[in-house]
Structures are given as structure tokens and as C-alpha cells.
Protein backbone atom coordinates (compact mmCIF):
# COMPACT_ATOMS: atom_id res chain seq x y z
CA UNK A 1 99.14 133.31 116.74
CA UNK A 2 96.39 130.71 116.89
CA UNK A 3 95.27 129.01 113.69
CA UNK A 4 92.73 126.36 112.74
CA UNK A 5 94.28 123.63 110.59
CA UNK A 6 92.42 122.89 107.35
CA UNK A 7 94.39 119.70 106.69
CA UNK A 8 96.62 117.32 108.63
CA UNK A 9 100.21 118.50 109.03
CA UNK A 10 102.91 116.23 110.42
CA UNK A 11 104.42 117.37 113.73
CA UNK A 12 101.80 120.12 114.12
CA UNK A 13 98.32 118.65 114.28
CA UNK A 14 95.30 117.23 112.54
CA UNK A 15 92.50 118.81 110.54
CA UNK A 16 90.22 121.09 112.62
CA UNK A 17 92.74 121.39 115.48
CA UNK A 18 93.37 124.83 116.93
CA UNK A 19 97.13 125.20 117.37
CA UNK A 20 99.40 128.00 118.49
CA UNK A 21 102.23 128.78 116.06
CA UNK A 22 104.78 131.53 115.65
CA UNK A 23 103.49 134.56 113.80
CA UNK A 24 105.93 134.28 110.89
CA UNK A 25 105.26 130.58 110.35
CA UNK A 26 101.52 131.15 110.31
CA UNK A 27 101.52 134.30 108.19
CA UNK A 28 104.23 133.28 105.71
CA UNK A 29 103.59 129.54 105.28
CA UNK A 30 100.36 128.16 106.74
CA UNK A 31 97.97 130.89 105.58
CA UNK A 32 99.29 131.37 101.98
CA UNK A 33 99.47 127.58 101.42
CA UNK A 34 95.86 127.34 102.66
CA UNK A 35 96.88 124.80 105.29
CA UNK A 36 95.30 126.88 108.06
CA UNK A 37 93.00 129.84 108.74
CA UNK A 38 93.22 132.41 111.54
CA UNK A 39 91.38 131.29 114.68
CA UNK A 40 89.18 134.37 115.15
CA UNK A 41 85.77 134.22 116.81
CA UNK A 42 83.70 133.72 113.64
CA UNK A 43 85.99 130.94 112.38
CA UNK A 44 85.80 129.24 115.79
CA UNK A 45 81.97 129.31 115.70
CA UNK A 46 81.96 127.89 112.18
CA UNK A 47 84.43 125.18 113.28
CA UNK A 48 82.20 124.25 116.24
CA UNK A 49 79.17 123.93 113.95
CA UNK A 50 81.10 121.83 111.43
CA UNK A 51 82.43 119.54 114.18
CA UNK A 52 78.93 119.03 115.54
CA UNK A 53 77.69 117.98 112.09
CA UNK A 54 80.63 115.67 111.49
CA UNK A 55 80.46 113.87 114.85
CA UNK A 56 78.43 110.86 113.69
CA UNK A 57 80.50 110.53 110.49
CA UNK A 58 83.67 110.50 112.59
CA UNK A 59 82.37 107.62 114.70
CA UNK A 60 81.86 105.50 111.57
CA UNK A 61 85.32 106.37 110.23
CA UNK A 62 86.86 105.44 113.59
CA UNK A 63 85.01 102.11 113.62
CA UNK A 64 86.26 101.36 110.09
CA UNK A 65 89.83 102.21 111.11
CA UNK A 66 89.59 99.93 114.15
CA UNK A 67 88.25 97.10 111.99
CA UNK A 68 91.14 97.56 109.57
CA UNK A 69 93.56 97.56 112.50
CA UNK A 70 92.13 94.23 113.69
CA UNK A 71 92.47 92.81 110.17
CA UNK A 72 96.09 93.96 109.95
CA UNK A 73 96.89 92.46 113.36
CA UNK A 74 96.09 88.95 112.12
CA UNK A 75 97.71 89.34 108.69
CA UNK A 76 101.35 88.79 107.78
CA UNK A 77 102.28 90.49 104.51
CA UNK A 78 104.81 88.81 102.26
CA UNK A 79 107.03 91.20 100.32
CA UNK A 80 109.07 89.61 97.53
CA UNK A 81 112.30 91.37 96.59
CA UNK A 82 115.49 90.56 94.74
CA UNK A 83 118.28 89.47 97.06
CA UNK A 84 121.66 87.76 96.92
CA UNK A 85 122.59 84.43 98.55
CA UNK A 86 123.56 86.14 101.83
CA UNK A 87 120.08 87.58 102.23
CA UNK A 88 121.03 91.15 101.38
CA UNK A 89 118.40 93.02 99.37
CA UNK A 90 119.25 94.89 96.19
CA UNK A 91 117.91 98.32 97.21
CA UNK A 92 115.45 98.62 100.10
CA UNK A 93 111.83 97.86 100.91
CA UNK A 94 109.79 101.06 100.57
CA UNK A 95 106.34 102.09 101.71
CA UNK A 96 105.19 101.67 98.10
CA UNK A 97 106.29 98.00 98.18
CA UNK A 98 104.33 97.51 101.39
CA UNK A 99 101.24 99.26 99.99
CA UNK A 100 101.40 97.06 96.86
CA UNK A 101 101.71 93.90 98.96
CA UNK A 102 98.74 95.01 101.06
CA UNK A 103 96.72 95.70 97.89
CA UNK A 104 97.47 92.17 96.72
CA UNK A 105 95.83 90.98 99.96
CA UNK A 106 92.82 93.24 99.31
CA UNK A 107 93.79 95.79 101.97
CA UNK A 108 93.96 99.28 100.50
CA UNK A 109 96.15 101.68 102.46
CA UNK A 110 97.85 104.77 101.06
CA UNK A 111 101.64 104.61 101.12
CA UNK A 112 101.77 108.04 102.80
CA UNK A 113 100.36 106.74 106.08
CA UNK A 114 102.87 103.86 106.32
CA UNK A 115 106.11 104.40 108.23
CA UNK A 116 109.12 102.13 108.51
CA UNK A 117 111.26 102.51 111.65
CA UNK A 118 114.58 101.56 110.06
CA UNK A 119 115.48 100.79 106.44
CA UNK A 120 114.83 97.18 105.47
CA UNK A 121 117.94 95.88 103.70
CA UNK A 122 117.95 92.20 104.73
CA UNK A 123 115.53 89.32 104.33
CA UNK A 124 113.50 88.49 107.41
CA UNK A 125 110.56 89.57 109.51
CA UNK A 126 109.91 93.25 110.21
CA UNK A 127 107.19 95.55 111.49
CA UNK A 128 105.95 98.74 109.86
CA UNK A 129 103.31 101.08 111.22
CA UNK A 130 100.26 102.63 109.55
CA UNK A 131 98.47 105.70 110.90
CA UNK A 132 94.89 104.80 109.96
CA UNK A 133 93.21 107.50 112.04
CA UNK A 134 94.31 110.11 114.53
CA UNK A 135 93.54 107.64 117.33
CA UNK A 136 94.37 104.36 115.54
CA UNK A 137 97.83 103.15 114.62
CA UNK A 138 98.23 99.63 113.32
CA UNK A 139 101.33 97.47 113.15
CA UNK A 140 101.93 95.74 109.83
CA UNK A 141 103.85 92.48 110.08
CA UNK A 142 106.14 91.96 107.10
CA UNK A 143 107.89 88.87 105.92
CA UNK A 144 110.55 89.92 103.41
CA UNK A 145 111.45 86.99 101.16
CA UNK A 146 113.59 86.56 98.06
CA UNK A 147 111.81 86.64 94.72
CA UNK A 148 112.47 83.62 92.57
């Protein structure tokens, strides 16, 4: 079964992609949740028209994402957390902590697009990744320090 995605779905595709899925998955999950619509001929024509109209808007969004990526490349974010004398953190650094630290530096990124490769449980320097656009992924340099 081929469906047109209405919204981004992790491990499947992005909005307006035509993807092939199993019949049960499409019929029982994607269609009732309004995540996708069936990719019949009329829906494909409507998708093509919508994509044509959105082409110049997409170029601006991509340029903004690339500018944000360049800004993140030259910025080191300092995340202050409680830690003991050995440098072990009480808890872990989450994507919400990173998003808050970015907001303090006047960079607004949703916590849902930030991923951390491994849990951060020690003080030090780390790297997280933000998916800013389907074509743009930015590395976020973190410096985890003890709060005083």
C-alpha cells in the first residue's frame, strides 16, 4: 500500500513523501491517526500542486536552517548541572536541558529535534545533534559544568 505522509514520522519519512507500507500498518494506524492518506491518483495530483506552490517557501526555510546550523557550529553551549566532587552528575542531561541552554543563548530549538547519542552522566564536553530540516543536521557542542 502506498500512502502520502501528512506529517513527519520517525523511521518512515517526512511530510509529503510517498512511502510504501504494509497494508495493516497503513489501514490500522496511519490512516485512522491522520498521519497519512492513500496515494491514489487524485491525491497525487493535489500533492504535486501543493509541492509546486510550496517550492519557494521551502527554499527560504532551508536557508534559515543552514544559517542556524552555521550559528550552532561556532557556539559552545554551557549546561550547568548538579554534580559531586568526582564529576558525576546527579541524574542526566536531557534534551530539555539543552533546549533551555540554547534559549538562554537566544537560539530557539524544540527539544524534540535534539538527539543525544549516549546518556550524559559525567562533567565534560559532549556533542548532541539537532535535525533542523530534512537536509540539515547540526552538531551542538556542549560543555557540561557543575552548578555552584
